Amino acid sequence: EETLTLQEVAMDENDVLSNSSFTISLLRASLSVGRVLPKGLQGCAFPLLKSMFGSIDTDTGFFSLTQEMDEITLLMDERCRAAFDAAAAVATVEYAPNKW
């Protein structure tokens, strides 16, 4: 069984840790965690697409979603969160109080 600890090596933002089971890329950005309930999905359609596919005038960001039976969990950087914040009048997202 392989184990890796971050204390074993000096790392910077371009480093990647990996073994046969997983790969970890380090990010400098803080990430927001949010959730969308089924009734809020339609209002979140545009920011979801913008986060997944990006836009011509911005750098790509970090975005991940997990669909469960009763909600969608979002993990996103500031660029993607800005897409949801800009659509806040119709896009209902509940955010965790802290960032990762």
Protein backbone atom coordinates (compact mmCIF):
# COMPACT_ATOMS: atom_id res chain seq x y z
CA GLU A 1 0.00 0.00 0.00
CA GLU A 2 1.37 3.41 -1.00
CA THR A 3 1.09 6.44 1.20
CA LEU A 4 2.01 10.01 0.35
CA THR A 5 2.19 12.92 2.72
CA LEU A 6 2.59 16.56 1.79
CA GLN A 7 5.32 16.98 4.40
CA GLU A 8 7.65 14.64 2.49
CA VAL A 9 8.31 17.03 -0.40
CA ALA A 10 8.54 20.76 -0.99
CA MET A 11 5.64 21.64 -3.27
CA ASP A 12 4.49 24.58 -5.36
CA GLU A 13 1.28 25.32 -7.29
CA ASN A 14 2.38 23.28 -10.32
CA ASP A 15 3.02 20.05 -8.43
CA VAL A 16 0.99 16.90 -8.75
CA LEU A 17 0.90 13.98 -6.34
CA SER A 18 -0.23 10.64 -7.66
CA ASN A 19 -0.18 6.94 -7.03
CA SER A 20 -2.07 4.03 -8.56
CA SER A 21 -5.33 5.05 -6.84
CA PHE A 22 -5.55 8.83 -7.21
CA THR A 23 -4.03 12.05 -8.51
CA ILE A 24 -3.92 15.34 -6.62
CA SER A 25 -3.18 18.69 -8.27
CA LEU A 26 -2.55 21.62 -5.98
CA LEU A 27 -4.54 24.81 -6.47
CA ARG A 28 -3.72 28.20 -5.02
CA ALA A 29 -7.34 29.34 -5.21
CA SER A 30 -9.91 28.90 -2.46
CA LEU A 31 -12.94 26.86 -3.47
CA SER A 32 -16.59 27.42 -2.59
CA VAL A 33 -18.98 24.56 -1.89
CA GLY A 34 -22.64 25.02 -2.68
CA ARG A 35 -25.77 23.03 -3.29
CA VAL A 36 -28.70 23.38 -5.63
CA LEU A 37 -32.03 21.80 -4.78
CA PRO A 38 -34.22 20.42 -7.62
CA LYS A 39 -36.54 23.44 -7.53
CA GLY A 40 -33.53 25.71 -8.18
CA LEU A 41 -32.06 23.80 -11.09
CA GLN A 42 -33.83 25.69 -13.87
CA GLY A 43 -32.66 29.06 -12.52
CA CYS A 44 -29.09 27.76 -12.31
CA ALA A 45 -28.96 26.46 -15.89
CA PHE A 46 -27.02 29.40 -17.38
CA PRO A 47 -24.39 29.72 -14.60
CA LEU A 48 -23.97 25.91 -14.64
CA LEU A 49 -23.23 25.99 -18.38
CA LYS A 50 -20.97 29.02 -18.02
CA SER A 51 -19.02 27.28 -15.24
CA MET A 52 -18.70 23.99 -17.11
CA PHE A 53 -17.72 25.43 -20.48
CA GLY A 54 -16.15 28.78 -19.55
CA SER A 55 -16.30 31.80 -21.79
CA ILE A 56 -14.12 33.32 -24.47
CA ASP A 57 -13.04 36.35 -22.42
CA THR A 58 -11.95 34.57 -19.21
CA ASP A 59 -9.45 31.96 -18.15
CA THR A 60 -10.81 28.56 -17.35
CA GLY A 61 -11.57 27.94 -13.72
CA PHE A 62 -12.12 24.99 -11.43
CA PHE A 63 -15.61 23.54 -11.35
CA SER A 64 -17.01 20.19 -10.29
CA LEU A 65 -20.52 18.97 -9.62
CA THR A 66 -21.97 15.86 -8.07
CA GLN A 67 -25.59 14.96 -8.74
CA GLU A 68 -27.43 13.17 -5.99
CA MET A 69 -31.08 12.15 -5.67
CA ASP A 70 -32.15 15.32 -3.86
CA GLU A 71 -29.53 17.95 -4.77
CA ILE A 72 -26.51 18.92 -6.83
CA THR A 73 -23.32 19.69 -4.92
CA LEU A 74 -21.00 22.27 -6.50
CA LEU A 75 -17.29 22.82 -5.93
CA MET A 76 -15.98 25.95 -7.67
CA ASP A 77 -13.38 28.69 -7.76
CA GLU A 78 -14.07 32.44 -7.74
CA ARG A 79 -14.62 32.66 -11.53
CA CYS A 80 -17.37 30.07 -11.41
CA ARG A 81 -18.88 31.46 -8.22
CA ALA A 82 -19.09 34.87 -9.92
CA ALA A 83 -21.30 33.30 -12.62
CA PHE A 84 -23.75 32.13 -9.95
CA ASP A 85 -23.54 35.42 -8.03
CA ALA A 86 -24.33 37.37 -11.23
CA ALA A 87 -27.50 35.28 -11.66
CA ALA A 88 -28.44 35.36 -7.96
CA ALA A 89 -31.90 36.78 -8.71
CA VAL A 90 -32.89 33.46 -10.31
CA ALA A 91 -30.06 31.05 -9.39
CA THR A 92 -30.64 29.75 -5.88
CA VAL A 93 -27.47 28.24 -4.40
CA GLU A 94 -26.88 27.53 -0.71
CA TYR A 95 -23.18 28.00 0.12
CA ALA A 96 -21.16 26.48 2.93
CA PRO A 97 -20.00 29.16 5.40
CA ASN A 98 -16.29 28.46 4.81
CA LYS A 99 -14.15 28.01 1.71
CA TRP A 100 -11.71 25.18 1.13
